[in-house]
């Protein structure tokens, strides 16, 4: 759904190649994913390759938003990827969002408020979206 939302908003979409085969097209029309991360991000390519969904300004290398979908995986791992990117990359920052079910919101808040994420500034740059919010957003875009 995050890819479909981004596509309908006019963004280029990055989803790791290993995840593309598992995309569910029941709710949305298929959209194209860019085949590789822009060269401008070679220094952080290993980090970006693991981000679940990235929106880029169409036809450019400008990152707009990054999403980590943490259904069963530790929320902390997604935050670490965001933080690594945040600390290394100096250009304009995209929006960072952790997506999970609402029962994990308190875990997100506990993790994002750890001293390491507060000190880096990520705690102020990252938000939480629950699946219900994403589904409502998708329905607003679709209709």
Protein backbone atom coordinates (compact mmCIF):
# COMPACT_ATOMS: atom_id res chain seq x y z
CA UNK A 1 0.00 0.00 0.00
CA UNK A 2 2.82 2.43 0.79
CA UNK A 3 4.19 1.97 -2.71
CA UNK A 4 0.77 2.54 -4.25
CA UNK A 5 0.23 5.66 -2.14
CA UNK A 6 3.59 7.06 -3.16
CA UNK A 7 3.01 6.23 -6.82
CA UNK A 8 -0.38 7.95 -6.80
CA UNK A 9 1.24 11.01 -5.19
CA UNK A 10 3.71 11.18 -8.08
CA UNK A 11 6.82 9.71 -6.47
CA UNK A 12 9.27 7.17 -7.83
CA UNK A 13 9.17 4.08 -5.62
CA UNK A 14 12.02 1.92 -4.34
CA UNK A 15 11.25 -1.46 -2.85
CA UNK A 16 14.06 -3.99 -2.42
CA UNK A 17 14.14 -6.43 -5.32
CA UNK A 18 13.83 -9.35 -2.91
CA UNK A 19 10.50 -7.96 -1.65
CA UNK A 20 8.95 -7.06 -5.02
CA UNK A 21 7.90 -10.62 -5.89
CA UNK A 22 5.82 -10.75 -2.71
CA UNK A 23 3.84 -7.57 -3.39
CA UNK A 24 0.09 -8.08 -3.15
CA UNK A 25 -1.72 -6.46 -6.08
CA UNK A 26 -5.26 -7.24 -4.88
CA UNK A 27 -5.92 -3.71 -3.60
CA UNK A 28 -3.91 -1.59 -6.02
CA UNK A 29 -2.88 -1.52 -9.61
CA UNK A 30 0.69 -2.55 -10.27
CA UNK A 31 3.21 0.29 -10.28
CA UNK A 32 6.81 0.38 -11.42
CA UNK A 33 9.66 0.42 -8.95
CA UNK A 34 12.97 2.03 -9.75
CA UNK A 35 15.57 -0.66 -10.33
CA UNK A 36 18.38 0.88 -8.32
CA UNK A 37 19.11 3.55 -5.77
CA UNK A 38 20.40 6.81 -7.33
CA UNK A 39 24.19 7.11 -7.56
CA UNK A 40 24.10 10.15 -5.28
CA UNK A 41 23.62 7.76 -2.35
CA UNK A 42 26.52 5.38 -2.99
CA UNK A 43 27.97 6.11 0.46
CA UNK A 44 24.78 4.89 2.15
CA UNK A 45 23.73 2.36 -0.49
CA UNK A 46 24.10 -0.65 1.84
CA UNK A 47 21.76 1.00 4.33
CA UNK A 48 19.20 2.17 1.79
CA UNK A 49 19.06 -1.24 0.10
CA UNK A 50 17.47 -2.61 3.28
CA UNK A 51 14.78 0.07 3.73
CA UNK A 52 11.33 -1.41 2.99
CA UNK A 53 9.82 1.45 0.95
CA UNK A 54 11.37 4.70 -0.27
CA UNK A 55 9.69 7.56 -2.09
CA UNK A 56 11.82 9.77 -4.34
CA UNK A 57 10.85 12.94 -6.15
CA UNK A 58 9.90 11.64 -9.59
CA UNK A 59 12.80 11.65 -12.02
CA UNK A 60 15.32 12.80 -9.44
CA UNK A 61 17.54 11.52 -6.66
CA UNK A 62 15.74 13.52 -3.96
CA UNK A 63 14.52 11.24 -1.18
CA UNK A 64 11.12 12.27 0.16
CA UNK A 65 10.15 9.52 2.60
CA UNK A 66 11.44 6.23 4.00
CA UNK A 67 9.27 3.55 5.57
CA UNK A 68 10.22 0.54 7.64
CA UNK A 69 7.40 -1.98 8.02
CA UNK A 70 8.02 -3.78 11.29
CA UNK A 71 5.35 -6.43 11.67
CA UNK A 72 7.37 -9.05 13.53
CA UNK A 73 10.92 -7.76 13.21
CA UNK A 74 12.38 -5.61 15.98
CA UNK A 75 11.45 -1.94 15.70
CA UNK A 76 14.94 -1.15 16.88
CA UNK A 77 16.50 -2.55 13.68
CA UNK A 78 14.50 -0.18 11.47
CA UNK A 79 15.40 2.75 13.69
CA UNK A 80 19.08 1.82 13.47
CA UNK A 81 18.92 1.87 9.66
CA UNK A 82 17.22 5.28 9.74
CA UNK A 83 19.76 6.55 12.27
CA UNK A 84 22.75 5.33 10.24
CA UNK A 85 21.36 7.09 7.18
CA UNK A 86 20.58 10.21 9.21
CA UNK A 87 24.11 10.39 10.63
CA UNK A 88 25.92 9.79 7.33
CA UNK A 89 23.79 11.66 4.80
CA UNK A 90 24.07 15.45 4.81
CA UNK A 91 21.54 16.41 2.14
CA UNK A 92 17.90 17.23 2.85
CA UNK A 93 16.32 14.61 5.07
CA UNK A 94 13.33 12.55 4.02
CA UNK A 95 10.49 11.79 6.41
CA UNK A 96 11.15 8.61 8.39
CA UNK A 97 8.23 6.38 9.39
CA UNK A 98 8.02 3.08 11.20
CA UNK A 99 4.86 1.20 10.21
CA UNK A 100 3.37 -1.51 12.41
CA UNK A 101 0.23 -2.49 14.25
CA UNK A 102 -0.93 -0.08 16.93
CA UNK A 103 -0.07 -2.50 19.73
CA UNK A 104 3.60 -1.83 18.94
CA UNK A 105 3.31 1.97 19.22
CA UNK A 106 4.47 1.99 22.85
CA UNK A 107 7.50 -0.11 21.89
CA UNK A 108 8.29 2.37 19.11
CA UNK A 109 8.07 5.28 21.56
CA UNK A 110 10.30 3.50 24.05
CA UNK A 111 12.90 2.72 21.37
CA UNK A 112 12.87 6.05 19.51
CA UNK A 113 13.35 7.90 22.80
CA UNK A 114 16.54 6.00 23.65
CA UNK A 115 19.46 8.37 24.32
CA UNK A 116 21.21 7.42 21.06
CA UNK A 117 18.25 8.48 18.90
CA UNK A 118 17.63 11.61 20.96
CA UNK A 119 21.29 12.63 20.69
CA UNK A 120 21.38 12.10 16.92
CA UNK A 121 18.12 13.98 16.36
CA UNK A 122 16.32 11.02 14.80
CA UNK A 123 13.74 11.01 17.60
CA UNK A 124 12.40 14.31 16.23
CA UNK A 125 12.50 13.14 12.59
CA UNK A 126 10.77 9.78 12.87
CA UNK A 127 7.11 8.99 13.35
CA UNK A 128 4.90 5.95 13.81
CA UNK A 129 2.10 4.91 11.45
CA UNK A 130 -0.19 2.06 12.32
CA UNK A 131 -1.64 -0.19 9.65
CA UNK A 132 -5.09 1.30 10.10
CA UNK A 133 -3.76 4.81 9.33
CA UNK A 134 -1.96 3.55 6.23
CA UNK A 135 -5.10 1.76 5.02
CA UNK A 136 -7.21 4.91 5.56
CA UNK A 137 -4.59 6.98 3.72
CA UNK A 138 -4.61 4.46 0.87
CA UNK A 139 -8.42 4.63 0.64
CA UNK A 140 -8.39 8.45 0.55
CA UNK A 141 -5.83 8.41 -2.27
CA UNK A 142 -7.64 5.68 -4.18
CA UNK A 143 -11.08 7.34 -4.09
